[in-house]
């Protein structure tokens, strides 16, 4: 087992400026078993030989705890799962995320979990997570289980949706994170029936590596920003119009001009695109 030493990061640059929760703690690193073909983290690490999905590096719980003691007074929300999924299969063996959650609870630090796994909704984790501190976003990229197998190795979408609905019933601050939002992969009737109060939309960002790995039509991704190709705002609005969602809608955005548009015209909480309950 290789130790993951770069587990804590305060994201800077454009992303750090726009994101309200730019403090990230990755309990596993340098690889994720989900190995999604659209993953921006994979695209940044793979060509440097730092991506090993079969055997991700594992952070030290004791070192995480020492870091959190210094972080206690900051009053921020820590995001669990920035460059890798904190609930990927390695968690079943090493329980680093489980023990990190316990440490965060003891220190009274809020945490935002972002995952493509239904493990977060298992009874074991429901018991340990503090409803006053925990915020959970479960990502869904398609409503078709068989299609998902062709480009990601995460928990099947139908199981993720059940996990979202379970956490909703259990009283957690939970969101369906449509990330990345790939309109042609979504059955909007199925999506509209999910029993969850909130949805967060994040559109696909495309670079050279994503084009190489992910087999979709990129012809509409004509806007260039930050080293990525994006959908133009008019296309994003067109696809958002297809969402039949009765609950709260927010958009997570990397393009500054688009970010301002969502703040002013769509996001449920203009001050927080994640729309966390705090």
C-alpha atoms as a PDB file:
ATOM      1  CA  UNK A   1       0.000   0.000   0.000  1.00  0.00           C
ATOM      2  CA  UNK A   2       1.381   3.379  -1.025  1.00  0.00           C
ATOM      3  CA  UNK A   3       0.736   6.305   1.319  1.00  0.00           C
ATOM      4  CA  UNK A   4      -1.055   9.321  -0.142  1.00  0.00           C
ATOM      5  CA  UNK A   5       0.668  12.336   1.384  1.00  0.00           C
ATOM      6  CA  UNK A   6      -0.940  15.202  -0.561  1.00  0.00           C
ATOM      7  CA  UNK A   7      -4.369  14.629   0.967  1.00  0.00           C
ATOM      8  CA  UNK A   8      -5.130  18.258   1.894  1.00  0.00           C
ATOM      9  CA  UNK A   9      -5.379  21.133  -0.566  1.00  0.00           C
ATOM     10  CA  UNK A  10      -6.740  24.648  -0.734  1.00  0.00           C
ATOM     11  CA  UNK A  11      -7.642  25.042  -4.413  1.00  0.00           C
ATOM     12  CA  UNK A  12      -6.544  28.310  -5.970  1.00  0.00           C
ATOM     13  CA  UNK A  13      -6.856  29.994  -9.349  1.00  0.00           C
ATOM     14  CA  UNK A  14     -10.150  30.460 -11.141  1.00  0.00           C
ATOM     15  CA  UNK A  15     -11.736  27.385  -9.576  1.00  0.00           C
ATOM     16  CA  UNK A  16     -10.729  28.409  -6.069  1.00  0.00           C
ATOM     17  CA  UNK A  17     -12.126  31.893  -6.616  1.00  0.00           C
ATOM     18  CA  UNK A  18     -15.539  30.662  -7.802  1.00  0.00           C
ATOM     19  CA  UNK A  19     -15.929  27.672  -5.469  1.00  0.00           C
ATOM     20  CA  UNK A  20     -17.205  28.314  -1.937  1.00  0.00           C
ATOM     21  CA  UNK A  21     -15.830  24.971  -0.764  1.00  0.00           C
ATOM     22  CA  UNK A  22     -12.322  24.970  -2.159  1.00  0.00           C
ATOM     23  CA  UNK A  23     -10.720  23.200   0.812  1.00  0.00           C
ATOM     24  CA  UNK A  24     -10.379  19.567  -0.215  1.00  0.00           C
ATOM     25  CA  UNK A  25      -9.396  16.447   1.642  1.00  0.00           C
ATOM     26  CA  UNK A  26      -8.809  13.301  -0.404  1.00  0.00           C
ATOM     27  CA  UNK A  27      -8.668  10.160   1.698  1.00  0.00           C
ATOM     28  CA  UNK A  28      -7.377   8.263  -1.358  1.00  0.00           C
ATOM     29  CA  UNK A  29      -5.228   9.628  -4.174  1.00  0.00           C
ATOM     30  CA  UNK A  30      -3.270   9.044  -7.366  1.00  0.00           C
ATOM     31  CA  UNK A  31      -6.012   6.829  -8.730  1.00  0.00           C
ATOM     32  CA  UNK A  32      -9.671   5.966  -8.404  1.00  0.00           C
ATOM     33  CA  UNK A  33     -11.231   2.583  -9.134  1.00  0.00           C
ATOM     34  CA  UNK A  34     -14.205   4.285 -10.796  1.00  0.00           C
ATOM     35  CA  UNK A  35     -11.797   5.382 -13.569  1.00  0.00           C
ATOM     36  CA  UNK A  36     -14.427   7.522 -15.350  1.00  0.00           C
ATOM     37  CA  UNK A  37     -13.561   8.401 -18.937  1.00  0.00           C
ATOM     38  CA  UNK A  38     -14.634  12.041 -18.490  1.00  0.00           C
ATOM     39  CA  UNK A  39     -12.702  12.561 -15.228  1.00  0.00           C
ATOM     40  CA  UNK A  40     -10.721  15.811 -15.147  1.00  0.00           C
ATOM     41  CA  UNK A  41      -8.516  14.485 -12.323  1.00  0.00           C
ATOM     42  CA  UNK A  42      -7.579  11.446 -14.389  1.00  0.00           C
ATOM     43  CA  UNK A  43      -6.795  13.702 -17.349  1.00  0.00           C
ATOM     44  CA  UNK A  44      -4.435  15.766 -15.191  1.00  0.00           C
ATOM     45  CA  UNK A  45      -2.598  12.805 -13.632  1.00  0.00           C
ATOM     46  CA  UNK A  46      -2.617   9.958 -16.143  1.00  0.00           C
ATOM     47  CA  UNK A  47      -0.169  11.412 -18.661  1.00  0.00           C
ATOM     48  CA  UNK A  48       2.273  12.093 -15.799  1.00  0.00           C
ATOM     49  CA  UNK A  49       2.171   8.459 -14.723  1.00  0.00           C
ATOM     50  CA  UNK A  50       0.409   9.320 -11.449  1.00  0.00           C
ATOM     51  CA  UNK A  51      -2.926   7.570 -12.064  1.00  0.00           C
ATOM     52  CA  UNK A  52      -3.322   4.011 -10.767  1.00  0.00           C
ATOM     53  CA  UNK A  53      -7.015   3.031 -10.589  1.00  0.00           C
ATOM     54  CA  UNK A  54      -6.232  -0.549  -9.553  1.00  0.00           C
ATOM     55  CA  UNK A  55      -4.276   0.476  -6.467  1.00  0.00           C
ATOM     56  CA  UNK A  56      -4.877   4.037  -5.260  1.00  0.00           C
ATOM     57  CA  UNK A  57      -2.658   5.499  -2.569  1.00  0.00           C
ATOM     58  CA  UNK A  58      -4.136   5.641   0.938  1.00  0.00           C
ATOM     59  CA  UNK A  59      -3.894   8.625   3.285  1.00  0.00           C
ATOM     60  CA  UNK A  60      -2.832   8.234   6.904  1.00  0.00           C
ATOM     61  CA  UNK A  61      -5.704   8.756   9.335  1.00  0.00           C
ATOM     62  CA  UNK A  62      -3.328   9.987  12.029  1.00  0.00           C
ATOM     63  CA  UNK A  63      -1.851  12.626   9.717  1.00  0.00           C
ATOM     64  CA  UNK A  64      -5.352  13.691   8.662  1.00  0.00           C
ATOM     65  CA  UNK A  65      -6.329  14.146  12.310  1.00  0.00           C
ATOM     66  CA  UNK A  66      -3.263  16.297  12.986  1.00  0.00           C
ATOM     67  CA  UNK A  67      -4.075  18.463   9.976  1.00  0.00           C
ATOM     68  CA  UNK A  68      -7.686  18.874  11.078  1.00  0.00           C
ATOM     69  CA  UNK A  69      -6.607  20.123  14.509  1.00  0.00           C
ATOM     70  CA  UNK A  70      -4.936  23.078  12.773  1.00  0.00           C
ATOM     71  CA  UNK A  71      -7.962  23.612  10.559  1.00  0.00           C
ATOM     72  CA  UNK A  72     -10.535  23.709  13.352  1.00  0.00           C
ATOM     73  CA  UNK A  73     -10.763  27.475  13.726  1.00  0.00           C
ATOM     74  CA  UNK A  74     -11.220  28.266  10.027  1.00  0.00           C
ATOM     75  CA  UNK A  75     -15.007  27.817  10.050  1.00  0.00           C
ATOM     76  CA  UNK A  76     -15.056  26.408   6.519  1.00  0.00           C
ATOM     77  CA  UNK A  77     -16.619  23.341   4.973  1.00  0.00           C
ATOM     78  CA  UNK A  78     -14.139  20.643   3.946  1.00  0.00           C
ATOM     79  CA  UNK A  79     -14.913  18.767   0.743  1.00  0.00           C
ATOM     80  CA  UNK A  80     -14.229  15.049   0.917  1.00  0.00           C
ATOM     81  CA  UNK A  81     -13.465  13.790  -2.568  1.00  0.00           C
ATOM     82  CA  UNK A  82     -11.893  16.284  -4.940  1.00  0.00           C
ATOM     83  CA  UNK A  83      -9.410  14.371  -7.071  1.00  0.00           C
ATOM     84  CA  UNK A  84     -10.680  10.875  -6.227  1.00  0.00           C
ATOM     85  CA  UNK A  85     -13.842   9.343  -4.771  1.00  0.00           C
ATOM     86  CA  UNK A  86     -13.643   9.066  -0.988  1.00  0.00           C
ATOM     87  CA  UNK A  87     -16.076   6.116  -1.128  1.00  0.00           C
ATOM     88  CA  UNK A  88     -14.344   4.121  -3.851  1.00  0.00           C
ATOM     89  CA  UNK A  89     -13.928   0.362  -3.176  1.00  0.00           C
ATOM     90  CA  UNK A  90     -10.695   0.876  -1.198  1.00  0.00           C
ATOM     91  CA  UNK A  91     -12.817   2.442   1.559  1.00  0.00           C
ATOM     92  CA  UNK A  92     -14.301  -0.951   2.411  1.00  0.00           C
ATOM     93  CA  UNK A  93     -10.813  -2.198   3.270  1.00  0.00           C
ATOM     94  CA  UNK A  94      -9.112   0.846   4.801  1.00  0.00           C
ATOM     95  CA  UNK A  95     -11.986   2.915   6.309  1.00  0.00           C
ATOM     96  CA  UNK A  96      -9.995   6.160   6.017  1.00  0.00           C
ATOM     97  CA  UNK A  97     -13.119   8.139   5.086  1.00  0.00           C
ATOM     98  CA  UNK A  98     -15.075   6.579   7.949  1.00  0.00           C
ATOM     99  CA  UNK A  99     -12.414   7.558  10.487  1.00  0.00           C
ATOM    100  CA  UNK A 100     -12.015  11.010   8.934  1.00  0.00           C
ATOM    101  CA  UNK A 101     -15.757  11.604   9.351  1.00  0.00           C
ATOM    102  CA  UNK A 102     -15.470  10.610  13.012  1.00  0.00           C
ATOM    103  CA  UNK A 103     -12.629  13.101  13.479  1.00  0.00           C
ATOM    104  CA  UNK A 104     -14.581  15.871  11.731  1.00  0.00           C
ATOM    105  CA  UNK A 105     -17.573  15.176  13.988  1.00  0.00           C
ATOM    106  CA  UNK A 106     -15.422  15.391  17.106  1.00  0.00           C
ATOM    107  CA  UNK A 107     -14.025  18.755  16.012  1.00  0.00           C
ATOM    108  CA  UNK A 108     -17.379  20.132  14.844  1.00  0.00           C
ATOM    109  CA  UNK A 109     -16.145  20.719  11.280  1.00  0.00           C
ATOM    110  CA  UNK A 110     -18.715  20.646   8.461  1.00  0.00           C
ATOM    111  CA  UNK A 111     -17.966  18.364   5.524  1.00  0.00           C
ATOM    112  CA  UNK A 112     -19.219  18.024   1.967  1.00  0.00           C
ATOM    113  CA  UNK A 113     -19.107  14.479   0.600  1.00  0.00           C
ATOM    114  CA  UNK A 114     -19.047  14.084  -3.193  1.00  0.00           C
ATOM    115  CA  UNK A 115     -19.304  10.491  -4.402  1.00  0.00           C
ATOM    116  CA  UNK A 116     -20.543   8.077  -7.047  1.00  0.00           C
ATOM    117  CA  UNK A 117     -20.967   5.273  -4.525  1.00  0.00           C
ATOM    118  CA  UNK A 118     -23.993   4.086  -2.576  1.00  0.00           C
ATOM    119  CA  UNK A 119     -21.720   3.055   0.307  1.00  0.00           C
ATOM    120  CA  UNK A 120     -22.299   6.498   1.840  1.00  0.00           C
ATOM    121  CA  UNK A 121     -25.954   5.521   2.377  1.00  0.00           C
ATOM    122  CA  UNK A 122     -25.200   2.209   4.081  1.00  0.00           C
ATOM    123  CA  UNK A 123     -26.392   1.905   7.668  1.00  0.00           C
ATOM    124  CA  UNK A 124     -22.799   1.987   8.935  1.00  0.00           C
ATOM    125  CA  UNK A 125     -22.165   5.440   7.473  1.00  0.00           C
ATOM    126  CA  UNK A 126     -25.624   6.807   8.226  1.00  0.00           C
ATOM    127  CA  UNK A 127     -24.899   5.981  11.855  1.00  0.00           C
ATOM    128  CA  UNK A 128     -21.550   7.785  11.902  1.00  0.00           C
ATOM    129  CA  UNK A 129     -22.416  10.936   9.885  1.00  0.00           C
ATOM    130  CA  UNK A 130     -23.623  13.951  11.881  1.00  0.00           C
ATOM    131  CA  UNK A 131     -26.739  15.490  10.290  1.00  0.00           C
ATOM    132  CA  UNK A 132     -25.713  18.918  11.594  1.00  0.00           C
ATOM    133  CA  UNK A 133     -22.328  18.743   9.844  1.00  0.00           C
ATOM    134  CA  UNK A 134     -22.714  16.441   6.847  1.00  0.00           C
ATOM    135  CA  UNK A 135     -23.653  17.552   3.330  1.00  0.00           C
ATOM    136  CA  UNK A 136     -23.823  14.850   0.669  1.00  0.00           C
ATOM    137  CA  UNK A 137     -23.806  15.051  -3.113  1.00  0.00           C
ATOM    138  CA  UNK A 138     -24.171  11.821  -5.079  1.00  0.00           C
ATOM    139  CA  UNK A 139     -23.223  12.178  -8.741  1.00  0.00           C
ATOM    140  CA  UNK A 140     -25.358  10.702 -11.503  1.00  0.00           C
ATOM    141  CA  UNK A 141     -24.267  10.901 -15.150  1.00  0.00           C
ATOM    142  CA  UNK A 142     -26.894   8.705 -16.785  1.00  0.00           C
ATOM    143  CA  UNK A 143     -30.185   7.015 -15.910  1.00  0.00           C
ATOM    144  CA  UNK A 144     -29.181   3.918 -17.927  1.00  0.00           C
ATOM    145  CA  UNK A 145     -27.286   1.281 -15.928  1.00  0.00           C
ATOM    146  CA  UNK A 146     -25.956  -0.543 -18.970  1.00  0.00           C
ATOM    147  CA  UNK A 147     -24.755   2.650 -20.615  1.00  0.00           C
ATOM    148  CA  UNK A 148     -22.901   3.657 -17.445  1.00  0.00           C
ATOM    149  CA  UNK A 149     -20.840   0.446 -17.610  1.00  0.00           C
ATOM    150  CA  UNK A 150     -19.284   1.638 -20.883  1.00  0.00           C
ATOM    151  CA  UNK A 151     -17.567   4.699 -19.442  1.00  0.00           C
ATOM    152  CA  UNK A 152     -17.371   4.452 -15.631  1.00  0.00           C
ATOM    153  CA  UNK A 153     -16.846   1.689 -13.073  1.00  0.00           C
ATOM    154  CA  UNK A 154     -18.781   3.306 -10.254  1.00  0.00           C
ATOM    155  CA  UNK A 155     -21.927   2.045  -8.538  1.00  0.00           C
ATOM    156  CA  UNK A 156     -24.797   1.646 -10.998  1.00  0.00           C
ATOM    157  CA  UNK A 157     -26.934   4.813 -11.325  1.00  0.00           C
ATOM    158  CA  UNK A 158     -30.109   3.058 -10.163  1.00  0.00           C
ATOM    159  CA  UNK A 159     -28.378   2.215  -6.883  1.00  0.00           C
ATOM    160  CA  UNK A 160     -27.053   5.744  -6.525  1.00  0.00           C
ATOM    161  CA  UNK A 161     -30.567   7.110  -6.944  1.00  0.00           C
ATOM    162  CA  UNK A 162     -31.837   4.743  -4.241  1.00  0.00           C
ATOM    163  CA  UNK A 163     -29.021   5.967  -1.992  1.00  0.00           C
ATOM    164  CA  UNK A 164     -30.038   9.595  -2.588  1.00  0.00           C
ATOM    165  CA  UNK A 165     -33.650   8.821  -1.707  1.00  0.00           C
ATOM    166  CA  UNK A 166     -32.610   6.910   1.429  1.00  0.00           C
ATOM    167  CA  UNK A 167     -30.468   9.794   2.666  1.00  0.00           C
ATOM    168  CA  UNK A 168     -33.349  12.174   1.941  1.00  0.00           C
ATOM    169  CA  UNK A 169     -35.676  10.026   4.082  1.00  0.00           C
ATOM    170  CA  UNK A 170     -33.054   9.892   6.819  1.00  0.00           C
ATOM    171  CA  UNK A 171     -33.013  13.678   7.072  1.00  0.00           C
ATOM    172  CA  UNK A 172     -29.593  14.464   5.587  1.00  0.00           C
ATOM    173  CA  UNK A 173     -28.737  17.506   3.483  1.00  0.00           C
ATOM    174  CA  UNK A 174     -28.435  15.567   0.221  1.00  0.00           C
ATOM    175  CA  UNK A 175     -28.355  16.510  -3.459  1.00  0.00           C
ATOM    176  CA  UNK A 176     -28.487  14.683  -6.729  1.00  0.00           C
ATOM    177  CA  UNK A 177     -25.377  15.964  -8.484  1.00  0.00           C
ATOM    178  CA  UNK A 178     -25.909  15.762 -12.246  1.00  0.00           C
ATOM    179  CA  UNK A 179     -22.192  15.808 -12.924  1.00  0.00           C
ATOM    180  CA  UNK A 180     -21.211  15.918 -15.625  1.00  0.00           C
ATOM    181  CA  UNK A 181     -24.565  16.676 -17.230  1.00  0.00           C
ATOM    182  CA  UNK A 182     -24.590  14.854 -20.579  1.00  0.00           C
ATOM    183  CA  UNK A 183     -28.124  15.486 -21.919  1.00  0.00           C
ATOM    184  CA  UNK A 184     -28.182  12.581 -24.381  1.00  0.00           C
ATOM    185  CA  UNK A 185     -27.494  10.149 -21.531  1.00  0.00           C
ATOM    186  CA  UNK A 186     -30.469  11.227 -19.408  1.00  0.00           C
ATOM    187  CA  UNK A 187     -34.048   9.974 -19.421  1.00  0.00           C
ATOM    188  CA  UNK A 188     -35.645  13.143 -18.086  1.00  0.00           C
ATOM    189  CA  UNK A 189     -38.837  11.315 -17.035  1.00  0.00           C
ATOM    190  CA  UNK A 190     -36.800   8.976 -14.822  1.00  0.00           C
ATOM    191  CA  UNK A 191     -34.776  11.852 -13.408  1.00  0.00           C
ATOM    192  CA  UNK A 192     -37.886  13.885 -12.623  1.00  0.00           C
ATOM    193  CA  UNK A 193     -39.255  11.109 -10.411  1.00  0.00           C
ATOM    194  CA  UNK A 194     -36.269  11.022  -8.043  1.00  0.00           C
ATOM    195  CA  UNK A 195     -37.416  11.863  -4.517  1.00  0.00           C
ATOM    196  CA  UNK A 196     -34.889  14.508  -3.520  1.00  0.00           C
ATOM    197  CA  UNK A 197     -35.268  18.191  -2.655  1.00  0.00           C
ATOM    198  CA  UNK A 198     -32.220  19.468  -4.529  1.00  0.00           C
ATOM    199  CA  UNK A 199     -30.319  18.982  -7.761  1.00  0.00           C
ATOM    200  CA  UNK A 200     -26.921  20.412  -8.654  1.00  0.00           C
ATOM    201  CA  UNK A 201     -25.940  20.572 -12.328  1.00  0.00           C
ATOM    202  CA  UNK A 202     -22.360  20.625 -13.587  1.00  0.00           C
ATOM    203  CA  UNK A 203     -21.743  20.596 -17.321  1.00  0.00           C
ATOM    204  CA  UNK A 204     -18.974  18.558 -18.937  1.00  0.00           C
ATOM    205  CA  UNK A 205     -15.551  20.145 -19.407  1.00  0.00           C
ATOM    206  CA  UNK A 206     -13.560  18.799 -22.337  1.00  0.00           C
ATOM    207  CA  UNK A 207      -9.811  18.671 -22.871  1.00  0.00           C
ATOM    208  CA  UNK A 208      -7.557  16.605 -25.149  1.00  0.00           C
ATOM    209  CA  UNK A 209      -7.603  13.579 -22.866  1.00  0.00           C
ATOM    210  CA  UNK A 210     -11.363  13.557 -22.388  1.00  0.00           C
ATOM    211  CA  UNK A 211     -11.761  13.710 -26.178  1.00  0.00           C
ATOM    212  CA  UNK A 212      -9.447  10.731 -26.481  1.00  0.00           C
ATOM    213  CA  UNK A 213     -11.161   8.562 -23.863  1.00  0.00           C
ATOM    214  CA  UNK A 214     -14.834   9.526 -24.011  1.00  0.00           C
ATOM    215  CA  UNK A 215     -16.857   8.644 -27.103  1.00  0.00           C
ATOM    216  CA  UNK A 216     -19.544  11.324 -27.465  1.00  0.00           C
ATOM    217  CA  UNK A 217     -20.243  14.115 -29.916  1.00  0.00           C
ATOM    218  CA  UNK A 218     -18.156  17.133 -28.877  1.00  0.00           C
ATOM    219  CA  UNK A 219     -19.222  19.385 -31.775  1.00  0.00           C
ATOM    220  CA  UNK A 220     -21.288  21.677 -29.508  1.00  0.00           C
ATOM    221  CA  UNK A 221     -18.395  22.303 -27.114  1.00  0.00           C
ATOM    222  CA  UNK A 222     -17.183  25.432 -28.862  1.00  0.00           C
ATOM    223  CA  UNK A 223     -16.421  27.802 -25.985  1.00  0.00           C
ATOM    224  CA  UNK A 224     -12.764  27.808 -24.860  1.00  0.00           C
ATOM    225  CA  UNK A 225     -11.892  28.683 -21.277  1.00  0.00           C
ATOM    226  CA  UNK A 226      -9.213  27.629 -18.819  1.00  0.00           C
ATOM    227  CA  UNK A 227      -7.754  24.930 -21.044  1.00  0.00           C
ATOM    228  CA  UNK A 228     -11.151  23.278 -21.568  1.00  0.00           C
ATOM    229  CA  UNK A 229     -13.908  23.374 -24.162  1.00  0.00           C
ATOM    230  CA  UNK A 230     -17.376  24.175 -22.791  1.00  0.00           C
ATOM    231  CA  UNK A 231     -20.913  24.406 -24.084  1.00  0.00           C
ATOM    232  CA  UNK A 232     -21.939  27.994 -24.912  1.00  0.00           C
ATOM    233  CA  UNK A 233     -24.407  29.547 -22.487  1.00  0.00           C
ATOM    234  CA  UNK A 234     -27.310  29.301 -24.941  1.00  0.00           C
ATOM    235  CA  UNK A 235     -26.775  25.534 -25.227  1.00  0.00           C
ATOM    236  CA  UNK A 236     -26.600  25.141 -21.469  1.00  0.00           C
ATOM    237  CA  UNK A 237     -29.896  27.014 -21.144  1.00  0.00           C
ATOM    238  CA  UNK A 238     -31.467  24.841 -23.836  1.00  0.00           C
ATOM    239  CA  UNK A 239     -30.536  21.646 -22.025  1.00  0.00           C
ATOM    240  CA  UNK A 240     -31.520  22.955 -18.605  1.00  0.00           C
ATOM    241  CA  UNK A 241     -34.995  23.679 -20.003  1.00  0.00           C
ATOM    242  CA  UNK A 242     -35.421  19.924 -20.434  1.00  0.00           C
ATOM    243  CA  UNK A 243     -35.097  19.292 -16.708  1.00  0.00           C
ATOM    244  CA  UNK A 244     -38.490  18.721 -15.119  1.00  0.00           C
ATOM    245  CA  UNK A 245     -37.408  19.191 -11.519  1.00  0.00           C
ATOM    246  CA  UNK A 246     -39.848  20.247  -8.809  1.00  0.00           C
ATOM    247  CA  UNK A 247     -37.179  20.956  -6.222  1.00  0.00           C
ATOM    248  CA  UNK A 248     -34.325  23.414  -5.933  1.00  0.00           C
ATOM    249  CA  UNK A 249     -31.901  23.765  -8.869  1.00  0.00           C
ATOM    250  CA  UNK A 250     -28.359  25.129  -8.834  1.00  0.00           C
ATOM    251  CA  UNK A 251     -25.534  25.100 -11.380  1.00  0.00           C
ATOM    252  CA  UNK A 252     -21.874  24.585 -10.509  1.00  0.00           C
ATOM    253  CA  UNK A 253     -19.911  26.573 -13.083  1.00  0.00           C
ATOM    254  CA  UNK A 254     -16.296  27.035 -14.141  1.00  0.00           C
ATOM    255  CA  UNK A 255     -16.760  29.821 -16.734  1.00  0.00           C
ATOM    256  CA  UNK A 256     -16.905  33.173 -14.853  1.00  0.00           C
ATOM    257  CA  UNK A 257     -19.458  34.821 -17.178  1.00  0.00           C
ATOM    258  CA  UNK A 258     -21.750  31.799 -16.930  1.00  0.00           C
ATOM    259  CA  UNK A 259     -21.213  31.645 -13.173  1.00  0.00           C
ATOM    260  CA  UNK A 260     -22.527  35.197 -12.856  1.00  0.00           C
ATOM    261  CA  UNK A 261     -25.534  34.351 -15.021  1.00  0.00           C
ATOM    262  CA  UNK A 262     -26.545  31.426 -12.798  1.00  0.00           C
ATOM    263  CA  UNK A 263     -26.084  33.567  -9.680  1.00  0.00           C
ATOM    264  CA  UNK A 264     -28.330  36.273 -11.052  1.00  0.00           C
ATOM    265  CA  UNK A 265     -30.958  34.176 -12.836  1.00  0.00           C
ATOM    266  CA  UNK A 266     -31.200  30.581 -11.633  1.00  0.00           C
ATOM    267  CA  UNK A 267     -29.368  29.372  -8.563  1.00  0.00           C
ATOM    268  CA  UNK A 268     -31.558  28.773  -5.534  1.00  0.00           C
ATOM    269  CA  UNK A 269     -28.948  30.411  -3.315  1.00  0.00           C
ATOM    270  CA  UNK A 270     -27.049  33.111  -5.263  1.00  0.00           C
ATOM    271  CA  UNK A 271     -24.374  33.169  -2.553  1.00  0.00           C
ATOM    272  CA  UNK A 272     -23.710  29.435  -2.717  1.00  0.00           C
ATOM    273  CA  UNK A 273     -23.926  27.471  -5.955  1.00  0.00           C
ATOM    274  CA  UNK A 274     -23.735  24.219  -3.956  1.00  0.00           C
ATOM    275  CA  UNK A 275     -26.841  25.367  -2.065  1.00  0.00           C
ATOM    276  CA  UNK A 276     -25.840  23.612   1.150  1.00  0.00           C
ATOM    277  CA  UNK A 277     -28.165  23.725   4.124  1.00  0.00           C
ATOM    278  CA  UNK A 278     -26.137  25.525   6.798  1.00  0.00           C
END
